[in-house]
């Protein structure tokens, strides 16, 4: 294999494909790995076209097909150092272990190119990102939102996840010993599924992470889980599905079932009269279904005293044991929660 697009260049492409709901992703990239006979001899190689002209050709096609142009430097991984060159606007990575099972063939208008598979991309980005940044990236791929490849703005339009957490963990089970494995595995373990925004991921991390790492140690947090509840605007027998931003529980069932608490994050879009009205209706419907709901905005999210008091109440509602610690220990733990909040705010 001569080369493939990797690192931030591959990330740009995946984000563009997701916002356009490309069939490569809507049908699952694993299908495409099995569907194509990836023969490197059929691909453009250095002998066929100079890398500089190759990147120019790829950008031309990507601009036409997907409305993006790869940002400089375009990152290319080659399997042999002798195939790397000094070109302005191109950065070469050398991976002697590069193989066709870690890439995907992408057909664009007039030719095909190889790009890192989403799983392999995580290993490549691990050296560029902090642990929490990598958690956010994995959660983006497992979630319903996309960061726009061109503008960097949030696109939250219920996109299909790129892969499931179980699929990623299964892949990682075969990668033990690989470079950056421990970091990618730690990030995968912390990642969440089905998030509709980065703020939902950050809020889930603060709820889930253990106390010694700055979290509130809630055992189970599910994002945008749908509940069938009574439609209070319709006839009595009519039911409807409601997606809850964060559904918190102890993860333990008893005779009355599992105790759940809903936590909703309201961004600026919820300030409109129409959406605020829907929020009130949702709160009443959840309450009627026996699910207590707490609602916070960015102001409350940033207020450590408010968040500490809120999660004290939530833990009580979930029948989780109350922690009895010294004043000094409580101060240390609050400092860790502030540190986690600051680290997440940088992302």
C-alpha atoms as a PDB file:
ATOM      1  CA  UNK A   1       0.000   0.000   0.000  1.00  0.00           C
ATOM      2  CA  UNK A   2       1.521   3.289  -1.105  1.00  0.00           C
ATOM      3  CA  UNK A   3      -0.407   5.838   0.972  1.00  0.00           C
ATOM      4  CA  UNK A   4      -3.684   6.751   2.601  1.00  0.00           C
ATOM      5  CA  UNK A   5      -5.240   9.951   3.968  1.00  0.00           C
ATOM      6  CA  UNK A   6      -5.050   9.947   7.738  1.00  0.00           C
ATOM      7  CA  UNK A   7      -5.194  11.950  10.995  1.00  0.00           C
ATOM      8  CA  UNK A   8      -6.984  15.325  10.754  1.00  0.00           C
ATOM      9  CA  UNK A   9      -7.520  14.966   6.984  1.00  0.00           C
ATOM     10  CA  UNK A  10      -9.433  11.710   7.493  1.00  0.00           C
ATOM     11  CA  UNK A  11     -11.351  13.319  10.361  1.00  0.00           C
ATOM     12  CA  UNK A  12     -12.437  16.184   8.070  1.00  0.00           C
ATOM     13  CA  UNK A  13     -13.699  13.697   5.520  1.00  0.00           C
ATOM     14  CA  UNK A  14     -15.696  11.649   8.031  1.00  0.00           C
ATOM     15  CA  UNK A  15     -17.351  14.757   9.415  1.00  0.00           C
ATOM     16  CA  UNK A  16     -18.274  15.891   5.916  1.00  0.00           C
ATOM     17  CA  UNK A  17     -19.635  12.440   5.053  1.00  0.00           C
ATOM     18  CA  UNK A  18     -21.763  12.362   8.198  1.00  0.00           C
ATOM     19  CA  UNK A  19     -23.334  15.790   7.638  1.00  0.00           C
ATOM     20  CA  UNK A  20     -24.285  14.651   4.138  1.00  0.00           C
ATOM     21  CA  UNK A  21     -25.467  11.247   5.404  1.00  0.00           C
ATOM     22  CA  UNK A  22     -23.216   9.463   2.916  1.00  0.00           C
ATOM     23  CA  UNK A  23     -24.175   5.849   2.181  1.00  0.00           C
ATOM     24  CA  UNK A  24     -20.708   4.698   3.273  1.00  0.00           C
ATOM     25  CA  UNK A  25     -21.713   5.632   6.815  1.00  0.00           C
ATOM     26  CA  UNK A  26     -25.481   5.142   6.822  1.00  0.00           C
ATOM     27  CA  UNK A  27     -25.012   1.497   5.825  1.00  0.00           C
ATOM     28  CA  UNK A  28     -22.098   0.976   8.194  1.00  0.00           C
ATOM     29  CA  UNK A  29     -18.464   1.222   7.216  1.00  0.00           C
ATOM     30  CA  UNK A  30     -17.829  -2.395   8.286  1.00  0.00           C
ATOM     31  CA  UNK A  31     -19.964  -3.523   5.344  1.00  0.00           C
ATOM     32  CA  UNK A  32     -17.748  -1.572   2.993  1.00  0.00           C
ATOM     33  CA  UNK A  33     -14.592  -3.163   4.382  1.00  0.00           C
ATOM     34  CA  UNK A  34     -15.983  -6.536   3.323  1.00  0.00           C
ATOM     35  CA  UNK A  35     -17.638  -5.294   0.149  1.00  0.00           C
ATOM     36  CA  UNK A  36     -14.590  -3.939  -1.675  1.00  0.00           C
ATOM     37  CA  UNK A  37     -11.565  -5.846  -2.837  1.00  0.00           C
ATOM     38  CA  UNK A  38      -8.990  -3.324  -1.652  1.00  0.00           C
ATOM     39  CA  UNK A  39      -6.132  -3.938  -4.039  1.00  0.00           C
ATOM     40  CA  UNK A  40      -3.402  -1.353  -3.611  1.00  0.00           C
ATOM     41  CA  UNK A  41      -2.243  -1.945  -7.185  1.00  0.00           C
ATOM     42  CA  UNK A  42      -5.497  -0.447  -8.452  1.00  0.00           C
ATOM     43  CA  UNK A  43      -5.012   2.779  -6.525  1.00  0.00           C
ATOM     44  CA  UNK A  44      -3.149   5.901  -7.495  1.00  0.00           C
ATOM     45  CA  UNK A  45       0.456   5.603  -6.420  1.00  0.00           C
ATOM     46  CA  UNK A  46       3.414   7.910  -6.298  1.00  0.00           C
ATOM     47  CA  UNK A  47       4.581   6.618  -9.690  1.00  0.00           C
ATOM     48  CA  UNK A  48       1.272   7.475 -11.301  1.00  0.00           C
ATOM     49  CA  UNK A  49       0.938  11.027 -10.014  1.00  0.00           C
ATOM     50  CA  UNK A  50       3.011  13.278  -7.704  1.00  0.00           C
ATOM     51  CA  UNK A  51       1.568  13.661  -4.198  1.00  0.00           C
ATOM     52  CA  UNK A  52       1.178  17.394  -4.664  1.00  0.00           C
ATOM     53  CA  UNK A  53      -0.938  16.893  -7.798  1.00  0.00           C
ATOM     54  CA  UNK A  54      -2.763  14.036  -6.085  1.00  0.00           C
ATOM     55  CA  UNK A  55      -3.831  16.247  -3.160  1.00  0.00           C
ATOM     56  CA  UNK A  56      -4.926  18.946  -5.591  1.00  0.00           C
ATOM     57  CA  UNK A  57      -7.029  16.411  -7.493  1.00  0.00           C
ATOM     58  CA  UNK A  58      -8.563  15.005  -4.297  1.00  0.00           C
ATOM     59  CA  UNK A  59      -9.446  18.493  -3.067  1.00  0.00           C
ATOM     60  CA  UNK A  60     -11.081  19.334  -6.368  1.00  0.00           C
ATOM     61  CA  UNK A  61     -13.288  16.257  -6.159  1.00  0.00           C
ATOM     62  CA  UNK A  62     -14.091  16.709  -2.462  1.00  0.00           C
ATOM     63  CA  UNK A  63     -15.110  20.309  -3.084  1.00  0.00           C
ATOM     64  CA  UNK A  64     -17.494  19.224  -5.822  1.00  0.00           C
ATOM     65  CA  UNK A  65     -18.927  16.184  -4.043  1.00  0.00           C
ATOM     66  CA  UNK A  66     -18.940  17.291  -0.395  1.00  0.00           C
ATOM     67  CA  UNK A  67     -18.282  21.023  -0.321  1.00  0.00           C
ATOM     68  CA  UNK A  68     -15.020  20.748   1.629  1.00  0.00           C
ATOM     69  CA  UNK A  69     -11.366  21.325   0.925  1.00  0.00           C
ATOM     70  CA  UNK A  70      -8.822  19.596   3.112  1.00  0.00           C
ATOM     71  CA  UNK A  71      -6.998  22.004   5.397  1.00  0.00           C
ATOM     72  CA  UNK A  72      -3.235  22.305   5.230  1.00  0.00           C
ATOM     73  CA  UNK A  73      -1.236  20.425   6.004  1.00  0.00           C
ATOM     74  CA  UNK A  74      -2.992  17.484   4.362  1.00  0.00           C
ATOM     75  CA  UNK A  75      -1.915  14.421   6.367  1.00  0.00           C
ATOM     76  CA  UNK A  76      -0.856  11.310   4.489  1.00  0.00           C
ATOM     77  CA  UNK A  77       0.399   8.052   5.955  1.00  0.00           C
ATOM     78  CA  UNK A  78       2.868   6.006   3.925  1.00  0.00           C
ATOM     79  CA  UNK A  79       4.119   2.500   4.645  1.00  0.00           C
ATOM     80  CA  UNK A  80       7.705   3.231   3.663  1.00  0.00           C
ATOM     81  CA  UNK A  81       9.783   6.254   4.637  1.00  0.00           C
ATOM     82  CA  UNK A  82      11.296   6.454   1.156  1.00  0.00           C
ATOM     83  CA  UNK A  83       7.833   7.255  -0.182  1.00  0.00           C
ATOM     84  CA  UNK A  84       7.580  10.449   1.907  1.00  0.00           C
ATOM     85  CA  UNK A  85       8.609  13.717   0.343  1.00  0.00           C
ATOM     86  CA  UNK A  86       9.022  17.354   1.328  1.00  0.00           C
ATOM     87  CA  UNK A  87       5.951  19.061  -0.126  1.00  0.00           C
ATOM     88  CA  UNK A  88       4.477  22.323   1.088  1.00  0.00           C
ATOM     89  CA  UNK A  89       1.006  21.775   2.510  1.00  0.00           C
ATOM     90  CA  UNK A  90       1.497  18.007   2.997  1.00  0.00           C
ATOM     91  CA  UNK A  91       2.611  16.241   6.169  1.00  0.00           C
ATOM     92  CA  UNK A  92       3.770  12.652   5.915  1.00  0.00           C
ATOM     93  CA  UNK A  93       3.444  10.007   8.628  1.00  0.00           C
ATOM     94  CA  UNK A  94       5.296   6.724   8.295  1.00  0.00           C
ATOM     95  CA  UNK A  95       3.601   3.554   9.508  1.00  0.00           C
ATOM     96  CA  UNK A  96       5.456   0.379   8.590  1.00  0.00           C
ATOM     97  CA  UNK A  97       2.574  -1.651  10.035  1.00  0.00           C
ATOM     98  CA  UNK A  98      -0.017  -0.007   7.792  1.00  0.00           C
ATOM     99  CA  UNK A  99      -2.316  -2.588   6.247  1.00  0.00           C
ATOM    100  CA  UNK A 100      -5.411  -2.654   4.110  1.00  0.00           C
ATOM    101  CA  UNK A 101      -7.576  -3.834   7.023  1.00  0.00           C
ATOM    102  CA  UNK A 102      -7.131  -0.461   8.750  1.00  0.00           C
ATOM    103  CA  UNK A 103      -8.370   1.677   5.859  1.00  0.00           C
ATOM    104  CA  UNK A 104     -11.519   2.324   3.870  1.00  0.00           C
ATOM    105  CA  UNK A 105     -11.789   2.876   0.143  1.00  0.00           C
ATOM    106  CA  UNK A 106     -13.713   6.050  -0.675  1.00  0.00           C
ATOM    107  CA  UNK A 107     -14.996   6.518  -4.214  1.00  0.00           C
ATOM    108  CA  UNK A 108     -15.070  10.138  -5.305  1.00  0.00           C
ATOM    109  CA  UNK A 109     -16.074  11.361  -8.730  1.00  0.00           C
ATOM    110  CA  UNK A 110     -13.248  10.128 -10.967  1.00  0.00           C
ATOM    111  CA  UNK A 111     -11.093   7.894  -8.771  1.00  0.00           C
ATOM    112  CA  UNK A 112     -10.753   6.178  -5.404  1.00  0.00           C
ATOM    113  CA  UNK A 113      -8.645   7.026  -2.380  1.00  0.00           C
ATOM    114  CA  UNK A 114      -7.911   5.243   0.861  1.00  0.00           C
ATOM    115  CA  UNK A 115      -8.621   6.860   4.220  1.00  0.00           C
ATOM    116  CA  UNK A 116      -8.020   5.635   7.753  1.00  0.00           C
ATOM    117  CA  UNK A 117     -10.863   3.552   9.128  1.00  0.00           C
ATOM    118  CA  UNK A 118     -12.715   5.341  11.968  1.00  0.00           C
ATOM    119  CA  UNK A 119     -11.241   2.924  14.516  1.00  0.00           C
ATOM    120  CA  UNK A 120      -7.691   3.363  13.267  1.00  0.00           C
ATOM    121  CA  UNK A 121      -8.199   7.130  13.166  1.00  0.00           C
ATOM    122  CA  UNK A 122      -8.631   7.120  16.947  1.00  0.00           C
ATOM    123  CA  UNK A 123      -5.133   5.681  17.376  1.00  0.00           C
ATOM    124  CA  UNK A 124      -3.749   8.355  15.067  1.00  0.00           C
ATOM    125  CA  UNK A 125      -5.504  11.180  16.905  1.00  0.00           C
ATOM    126  CA  UNK A 126      -4.447   9.875  20.325  1.00  0.00           C
ATOM    127  CA  UNK A 127      -1.048  11.559  20.035  1.00  0.00           C
ATOM    128  CA  UNK A 128      -2.671  14.892  19.166  1.00  0.00           C
ATOM    129  CA  UNK A 129      -5.465  14.960  21.738  1.00  0.00           C
ATOM    130  CA  UNK A 130      -5.753  14.882  25.511  1.00  0.00           C
ATOM    131  CA  UNK A 131      -7.634  11.971  27.068  1.00  0.00           C
ATOM    132  CA  UNK A 132     -10.823  14.020  27.487  1.00  0.00           C
ATOM    133  CA  UNK A 133     -10.564  15.404  23.947  1.00  0.00           C
ATOM    134  CA  UNK A 134     -10.323  11.836  22.676  1.00  0.00           C
ATOM    135  CA  UNK A 135     -13.369  10.898  24.777  1.00  0.00           C
ATOM    136  CA  UNK A 136     -15.304  13.754  23.120  1.00  0.00           C
ATOM    137  CA  UNK A 137     -14.224  12.606  19.647  1.00  0.00           C
ATOM    138  CA  UNK A 138     -15.242   8.990  20.287  1.00  0.00           C
ATOM    139  CA  UNK A 139     -18.558  10.179  21.751  1.00  0.00           C
ATOM    140  CA  UNK A 140     -19.101  12.324  18.644  1.00  0.00           C
ATOM    141  CA  UNK A 141     -18.608   9.256  16.434  1.00  0.00           C
ATOM    142  CA  UNK A 142     -20.963   7.263  18.710  1.00  0.00           C
ATOM    143  CA  UNK A 143     -23.451  10.122  18.971  1.00  0.00           C
ATOM    144  CA  UNK A 144     -26.050  12.094  17.066  1.00  0.00           C
ATOM    145  CA  UNK A 145     -24.075  15.295  16.474  1.00  0.00           C
ATOM    146  CA  UNK A 146     -21.280  16.324  14.122  1.00  0.00           C
ATOM    147  CA  UNK A 147     -18.689  19.090  14.272  1.00  0.00           C
ATOM    148  CA  UNK A 148     -18.813  20.744  10.838  1.00  0.00           C
ATOM    149  CA  UNK A 149     -15.684  19.895   8.846  1.00  0.00           C
ATOM    150  CA  UNK A 150     -15.393  23.382   7.359  1.00  0.00           C
ATOM    151  CA  UNK A 151     -16.601  25.783  10.070  1.00  0.00           C
ATOM    152  CA  UNK A 152     -16.030  23.806  13.269  1.00  0.00           C
ATOM    153  CA  UNK A 153     -19.608  24.599  14.317  1.00  0.00           C
ATOM    154  CA  UNK A 154     -21.949  22.130  15.965  1.00  0.00           C
ATOM    155  CA  UNK A 155     -24.380  20.322  13.700  1.00  0.00           C
ATOM    156  CA  UNK A 156     -26.997  18.567  15.819  1.00  0.00           C
ATOM    157  CA  UNK A 157     -29.541  16.993  13.520  1.00  0.00           C
ATOM    158  CA  UNK A 158     -29.944  13.453  14.826  1.00  0.00           C
ATOM    159  CA  UNK A 159     -27.233  11.956  12.630  1.00  0.00           C
ATOM    160  CA  UNK A 160     -26.672   8.222  12.687  1.00  0.00           C
ATOM    161  CA  UNK A 161     -23.766   7.116  14.888  1.00  0.00           C
ATOM    162  CA  UNK A 162     -20.637   6.095  12.995  1.00  0.00           C
ATOM    163  CA  UNK A 163     -20.218   3.028  15.181  1.00  0.00           C
ATOM    164  CA  UNK A 164     -21.437   1.536  18.462  1.00  0.00           C
ATOM    165  CA  UNK A 165     -19.371   1.417  21.624  1.00  0.00           C
ATOM    166  CA  UNK A 166     -19.572  -2.370  21.629  1.00  0.00           C
ATOM    167  CA  UNK A 167     -18.084  -2.445  18.105  1.00  0.00           C
ATOM    168  CA  UNK A 168     -15.202  -0.204  19.152  1.00  0.00           C
ATOM    169  CA  UNK A 169     -14.462  -2.302  22.238  1.00  0.00           C
ATOM    170  CA  UNK A 170     -14.514  -5.467  20.128  1.00  0.00           C
ATOM    171  CA  UNK A 171     -11.973  -3.881  17.755  1.00  0.00           C
ATOM    172  CA  UNK A 172      -9.781  -2.795  20.657  1.00  0.00           C
ATOM    173  CA  UNK A 173      -9.731  -6.325  22.047  1.00  0.00           C
ATOM    174  CA  UNK A 174      -7.632  -7.243  18.995  1.00  0.00           C
ATOM    175  CA  UNK A 175      -5.282  -4.258  19.295  1.00  0.00           C
ATOM    176  CA  UNK A 176      -3.634  -4.897  22.666  1.00  0.00           C
ATOM    177  CA  UNK A 177      -0.014  -3.864  22.516  1.00  0.00           C
ATOM    178  CA  UNK A 178      -0.542  -1.370  19.703  1.00  0.00           C
ATOM    179  CA  UNK A 179       0.868   2.133  20.096  1.00  0.00           C
ATOM    180  CA  UNK A 180      -1.537   4.371  22.103  1.00  0.00           C
ATOM    181  CA  UNK A 181      -3.715   1.356  22.966  1.00  0.00           C
ATOM    182  CA  UNK A 182      -4.011   2.209  26.668  1.00  0.00           C
ATOM    183  CA  UNK A 183      -5.049   5.791  25.953  1.00  0.00           C
ATOM    184  CA  UNK A 184      -7.615   4.823  23.310  1.00  0.00           C
ATOM    185  CA  UNK A 185      -9.003   2.058  25.546  1.00  0.00           C
ATOM    186  CA  UNK A 186      -9.301   4.458  28.508  1.00  0.00           C
ATOM    187  CA  UNK A 187     -11.095   6.989  26.321  1.00  0.00           C
ATOM    188  CA  UNK A 188     -13.393   4.328  24.892  1.00  0.00           C
ATOM    189  CA  UNK A 189     -14.340   3.167  28.409  1.00  0.00           C
ATOM    190  CA  UNK A 190     -15.240   6.748  29.379  1.00  0.00           C
ATOM    191  CA  UNK A 191     -17.104   7.518  26.148  1.00  0.00           C
ATOM    192  CA  UNK A 192     -20.883   7.745  25.922  1.00  0.00           C
ATOM    193  CA  UNK A 193     -23.341   6.845  23.194  1.00  0.00           C
ATOM    194  CA  UNK A 194     -26.242   8.687  21.580  1.00  0.00           C
ATOM    195  CA  UNK A 195     -25.296  12.230  22.668  1.00  0.00           C
ATOM    196  CA  UNK A 196     -26.946  15.045  20.714  1.00  0.00           C
ATOM    197  CA  UNK A 197     -24.298  17.657  21.585  1.00  0.00           C
ATOM    198  CA  UNK A 198     -20.845  18.027  23.156  1.00  0.00           C
ATOM    199  CA  UNK A 199     -22.490  19.601  26.225  1.00  0.00           C
ATOM    200  CA  UNK A 200     -24.463  16.413  26.830  1.00  0.00           C
ATOM    201  CA  UNK A 201     -21.191  14.456  26.697  1.00  0.00           C
ATOM    202  CA  UNK A 202     -19.525  16.822  29.171  1.00  0.00           C
ATOM    203  CA  UNK A 203     -22.482  16.703  31.535  1.00  0.00           C
ATOM    204  CA  UNK A 204     -22.558  12.902  31.332  1.00  0.00           C
ATOM    205  CA  UNK A 205     -18.834  12.727  32.108  1.00  0.00           C
ATOM    206  CA  UNK A 206     -19.237  14.925  35.178  1.00  0.00           C
ATOM    207  CA  UNK A 207     -22.091  12.693  36.346  1.00  0.00           C
ATOM    208  CA  UNK A 208     -20.361   9.369  35.608  1.00  0.00           C
ATOM    209  CA  UNK A 209     -16.731   9.841  36.550  1.00  0.00           C
ATOM    210  CA  UNK A 210     -15.603   8.645  39.981  1.00  0.00           C
ATOM    211  CA  UNK A 211     -15.222  11.121  42.818  1.00  0.00           C
ATOM    212  CA  UNK A 212     -11.423  10.934  42.836  1.00  0.00           C
ATOM    213  CA  UNK A 213     -11.419  12.086  39.200  1.00  0.00           C
ATOM    214  CA  UNK A 214     -13.819  14.973  39.730  1.00  0.00           C
ATOM    215  CA  UNK A 215     -17.143  13.322  38.981  1.00  0.00           C
ATOM    216  CA  UNK A 216     -20.304  12.590  40.934  1.00  0.00           C
ATOM    217  CA  UNK A 217     -20.088   8.781  40.574  1.00  0.00           C
ATOM    218  CA  UNK A 218     -23.605   8.147  39.251  1.00  0.00           C
ATOM    219  CA  UNK A 219     -23.580   4.415  38.357  1.00  0.00           C
ATOM    220  CA  UNK A 220     -25.641   4.563  35.173  1.00  0.00           C
ATOM    221  CA  UNK A 221     -26.179   7.439  32.731  1.00  0.00           C
ATOM    222  CA  UNK A 222     -28.012   6.917  29.423  1.00  0.00           C
ATOM    223  CA  UNK A 223     -28.296   9.662  26.818  1.00  0.00           C
ATOM    224  CA  UNK A 224     -31.406  10.389  24.760  1.00  0.00           C
ATOM    225  CA  UNK A 225     -33.087   7.171  25.797  1.00  0.00           C
ATOM    226  CA  UNK A 226     -36.668   7.074  24.593  1.00  0.00           C
ATOM    227  CA  UNK A 227     -39.542   6.429  26.992  1.00  0.00           C
ATOM    228  CA  UNK A 228     -43.099   5.668  26.013  1.00  0.00           C
ATOM    229  CA  UNK A 229     -45.268   8.045  28.026  1.00  0.00           C
ATOM    230  CA  UNK A 230     -48.771   9.454  28.033  1.00  0.00           C
ATOM    231  CA  UNK A 231     -49.399  12.193  25.488  1.00  0.00           C
ATOM    232  CA  UNK A 232     -51.142  14.772  27.678  1.00  0.00           C
ATOM    233  CA  UNK A 233     -52.245  16.758  24.633  1.00  0.00           C
ATOM    234  CA  UNK A 234     -54.033  13.791  23.071  1.00  0.00           C
ATOM    235  CA  UNK A 235     -56.668  11.227  23.926  1.00  0.00           C
ATOM    236  CA  UNK A 236     -56.125   9.275  27.119  1.00  0.00           C
ATOM    237  CA  UNK A 237     -55.005   6.049  25.443  1.00  0.00           C
ATOM    238  CA  UNK A 238     -52.530   7.798  23.163  1.00  0.00           C
ATOM    239  CA  UNK A 239     -48.845   7.182  23.885  1.00  0.00           C
ATOM    240  CA  UNK A 240     -45.751   8.923  22.582  1.00  0.00           C
ATOM    241  CA  UNK A 241     -41.987   8.528  22.798  1.00  0.00           C
ATOM    242  CA  UNK A 242     -39.901  11.103  24.666  1.00  0.00           C
ATOM    243  CA  UNK A 243     -36.106  11.222  24.402  1.00  0.00           C
ATOM    244  CA  UNK A 244     -34.492  12.244  27.696  1.00  0.00           C
ATOM    245  CA  UNK A 245     -31.162  14.105  27.528  1.00  0.00           C
ATOM    246  CA  UNK A 246     -29.643  12.234  30.457  1.00  0.00           C
ATOM    247  CA  UNK A 247     -31.397   9.412  32.284  1.00  0.00           C
ATOM    248  CA  UNK A 248     -29.654   8.756  35.594  1.00  0.00           C
ATOM    249  CA  UNK A 249     -30.160   5.624  37.660  1.00  0.00           C
ATOM    250  CA  UNK A 250     -28.484   3.436  40.257  1.00  0.00           C
ATOM    251  CA  UNK A 251     -28.453   0.573  37.774  1.00  0.00           C
ATOM    252  CA  UNK A 252     -30.113  -1.664  40.391  1.00  0.00           C
ATOM    253  CA  UNK A 253     -33.715  -2.844  40.137  1.00  0.00           C
ATOM    254  CA  UNK A 254     -36.014  -3.582  43.045  1.00  0.00           C
ATOM    255  CA  UNK A 255     -39.670  -4.546  43.445  1.00  0.00           C
ATOM    256  CA  UNK A 256     -40.695  -1.119  42.144  1.00  0.00           C
ATOM    257  CA  UNK A 257     -38.321  -1.294  39.190  1.00  0.00           C
ATOM    258  CA  UNK A 258     -35.340   0.964  38.596  1.00  0.00           C
ATOM    259  CA  UNK A 259     -35.444   4.438  40.103  1.00  0.00           C
ATOM    260  CA  UNK A 260     -34.752   7.005  37.387  1.00  0.00           C
ATOM    261  CA  UNK A 261     -34.069  10.733  37.364  1.00  0.00           C
ATOM    262  CA  UNK A 262     -34.100  12.845  34.203  1.00  0.00           C
ATOM    263  CA  UNK A 263     -31.540  15.603  33.722  1.00  0.00           C
ATOM    264  CA  UNK A 264     -32.180  18.018  30.868  1.00  0.00           C
ATOM    265  CA  UNK A 265     -29.649  20.487  29.539  1.00  0.00           C
ATOM    266  CA  UNK A 266     -31.267  23.536  27.965  1.00  0.00           C
ATOM    267  CA  UNK A 267     -29.020  25.502  25.630  1.00  0.00           C
ATOM    268  CA  UNK A 268     -29.812  28.908  24.196  1.00  0.00           C
ATOM    269  CA  UNK A 269     -32.222  27.410  21.646  1.00  0.00           C
ATOM    270  CA  UNK A 270     -34.597  26.577  24.529  1.00  0.00           C
ATOM    271  CA  UNK A 271     -35.123  30.288  25.191  1.00  0.00           C
ATOM    272  CA  UNK A 272     -37.591  30.575  22.302  1.00  0.00           C
ATOM    273  CA  UNK A 273     -41.262  30.669  23.316  1.00  0.00           C
ATOM    274  CA  UNK A 274     -42.167  27.682  21.128  1.00  0.00           C
ATOM    275  CA  UNK A 275     -39.455  25.377  22.470  1.00  0.00           C
ATOM    276  CA  UNK A 276     -39.980  26.569  26.052  1.00  0.00           C
ATOM    277  CA  UNK A 277     -43.618  25.544  25.701  1.00  0.00           C
ATOM    278  CA  UNK A 278     -42.600  22.082  24.546  1.00  0.00           C
ATOM    279  CA  UNK A 279     -40.214  21.840  27.494  1.00  0.00           C
ATOM    280  CA  UNK A 280     -43.001  22.535  29.995  1.00  0.00           C
ATOM    281  CA  UNK A 281     -45.181  19.893  28.353  1.00  0.00           C
ATOM    282  CA  UNK A 282     -42.319  17.368  28.412  1.00  0.00           C
ATOM    283  CA  UNK A 283     -41.677  18.014  32.119  1.00  0.00           C
ATOM    284  CA  UNK A 284     -45.315  17.374  32.991  1.00  0.00           C
ATOM    285  CA  UNK A 285     -45.458  14.212  30.894  1.00  0.00           C
ATOM    286  CA  UNK A 286     -42.309  12.825  32.524  1.00  0.00           C
ATOM    287  CA  UNK A 287     -43.631  13.647  35.977  1.00  0.00           C
ATOM    288  CA  UNK A 288     -46.897  11.893  35.151  1.00  0.00           C
ATOM    289  CA  UNK A 289     -44.824   8.838  34.136  1.00  0.00           C
ATOM    290  CA  UNK A 290     -43.112   8.856  37.529  1.00  0.00           C
ATOM    291  CA  UNK A 291     -39.805  10.326  36.312  1.00  0.00           C
ATOM    292  CA  UNK A 292     -38.582  13.368  38.224  1.00  0.00           C
ATOM    293  CA  UNK A 293     -36.860  15.887  35.971  1.00  0.00           C
ATOM    294  CA  UNK A 294     -34.166  18.445  36.759  1.00  0.00           C
ATOM    295  CA  UNK A 295     -33.345  21.144  34.218  1.00  0.00           C
ATOM    296  CA  UNK A 296     -30.134  23.152  33.992  1.00  0.00           C
ATOM    297  CA  UNK A 297     -28.680  25.767  31.653  1.00  0.00           C
ATOM    298  CA  UNK A 298     -25.067  26.787  31.072  1.00  0.00           C
ATOM    299  CA  UNK A 299     -25.239  29.132  34.080  1.00  0.00           C
ATOM    300  CA  UNK A 300     -26.083  26.278  36.438  1.00  0.00           C
ATOM    301  CA  UNK A 301     -23.601  23.958  34.730  1.00  0.00           C
ATOM    302  CA  UNK A 302     -20.815  26.462  35.458  1.00  0.00           C
ATOM    303  CA  UNK A 303     -21.860  26.945  39.103  1.00  0.00           C
ATOM    304  CA  UNK A 304     -19.965  24.362  41.162  1.00  0.00           C
ATOM    305  CA  UNK A 305     -22.003  25.009  44.316  1.00  0.00           C
ATOM    306  CA  UNK A 306     -25.263  24.528  42.425  1.00  0.00           C
ATOM    307  CA  UNK A 307     -24.000  21.356  40.742  1.00  0.00           C
ATOM    308  CA  UNK A 308     -22.757  19.901  44.032  1.00  0.00           C
ATOM    309  CA  UNK A 309     -26.118  20.544  45.689  1.00  0.00           C
ATOM    310  CA  UNK A 310     -28.024  19.241  42.662  1.00  0.00           C
ATOM    311  CA  UNK A 311     -26.158  15.937  42.606  1.00  0.00           C
ATOM    312  CA  UNK A 312     -26.546  15.560  46.359  1.00  0.00           C
ATOM    313  CA  UNK A 313     -30.306  15.645  45.744  1.00  0.00           C
ATOM    314  CA  UNK A 314     -30.044  13.340  42.712  1.00  0.00           C
ATOM    315  CA  UNK A 315     -28.023  10.773  44.641  1.00  0.00           C
ATOM    316  CA  UNK A 316     -30.654  10.886  47.381  1.00  0.00           C
ATOM    317  CA  UNK A 317     -33.473  10.364  44.843  1.00  0.00           C
ATOM    318  CA  UNK A 318     -31.595   7.353  43.449  1.00  0.00           C
ATOM    319  CA  UNK A 319     -31.122   5.907  46.948  1.00  0.00           C
ATOM    320  CA  UNK A 320     -27.353   6.036  46.591  1.00  0.00           C
ATOM    321  CA  UNK A 321     -25.386   6.037  49.808  1.00  0.00           C
ATOM    322  CA  UNK A 322     -24.389   9.406  51.199  1.00  0.00           C
ATOM    323  CA  UNK A 323     -20.678   9.978  51.493  1.00  0.00           C
ATOM    324  CA  UNK A 324     -19.387  10.998  54.931  1.00  0.00           C
ATOM    325  CA  UNK A 325     -16.022  12.728  54.651  1.00  0.00           C
ATOM    326  CA  UNK A 326     -13.997  15.297  56.537  1.00  0.00           C
ATOM    327  CA  UNK A 327     -14.088  18.990  55.679  1.00  0.00           C
ATOM    328  CA  UNK A 328     -10.570  18.736  54.239  1.00  0.00           C
ATOM    329  CA  UNK A 329     -11.532  15.776  52.045  1.00  0.00           C
ATOM    330  CA  UNK A 330     -14.629  17.593  50.803  1.00  0.00           C
ATOM    331  CA  UNK A 331     -12.471  20.568  49.832  1.00  0.00           C
ATOM    332  CA  UNK A 332     -10.050  18.295  47.968  1.00  0.00           C
ATOM    333  CA  UNK A 333     -12.905  16.615  46.103  1.00  0.00           C
ATOM    334  CA  UNK A 334     -14.463  19.955  45.155  1.00  0.00           C
ATOM    335  CA  UNK A 335     -11.109  21.110  43.782  1.00  0.00           C
ATOM    336  CA  UNK A 336     -11.040  17.987  41.612  1.00  0.00           C
ATOM    337  CA  UNK A 337     -14.550  18.716  40.336  1.00  0.00           C
ATOM    338  CA  UNK A 338     -13.506  22.268  39.477  1.00  0.00           C
ATOM    339  CA  UNK A 339     -10.431  20.893  37.699  1.00  0.00           C
ATOM    340  CA  UNK A 340     -12.560  18.511  35.630  1.00  0.00           C
ATOM    341  CA  UNK A 341     -14.963  21.341  34.748  1.00  0.00           C
ATOM    342  CA  UNK A 342     -12.050  23.533  33.624  1.00  0.00           C
ATOM    343  CA  UNK A 343     -10.549  20.770  31.512  1.00  0.00           C
ATOM    344  CA  UNK A 344     -13.874  20.148  29.793  1.00  0.00           C
ATOM    345  CA  UNK A 345     -14.344  23.872  29.191  1.00  0.00           C
ATOM    346  CA  UNK A 346     -11.116  23.936  27.152  1.00  0.00           C
ATOM    347  CA  UNK A 347     -12.589  21.491  24.657  1.00  0.00           C
END
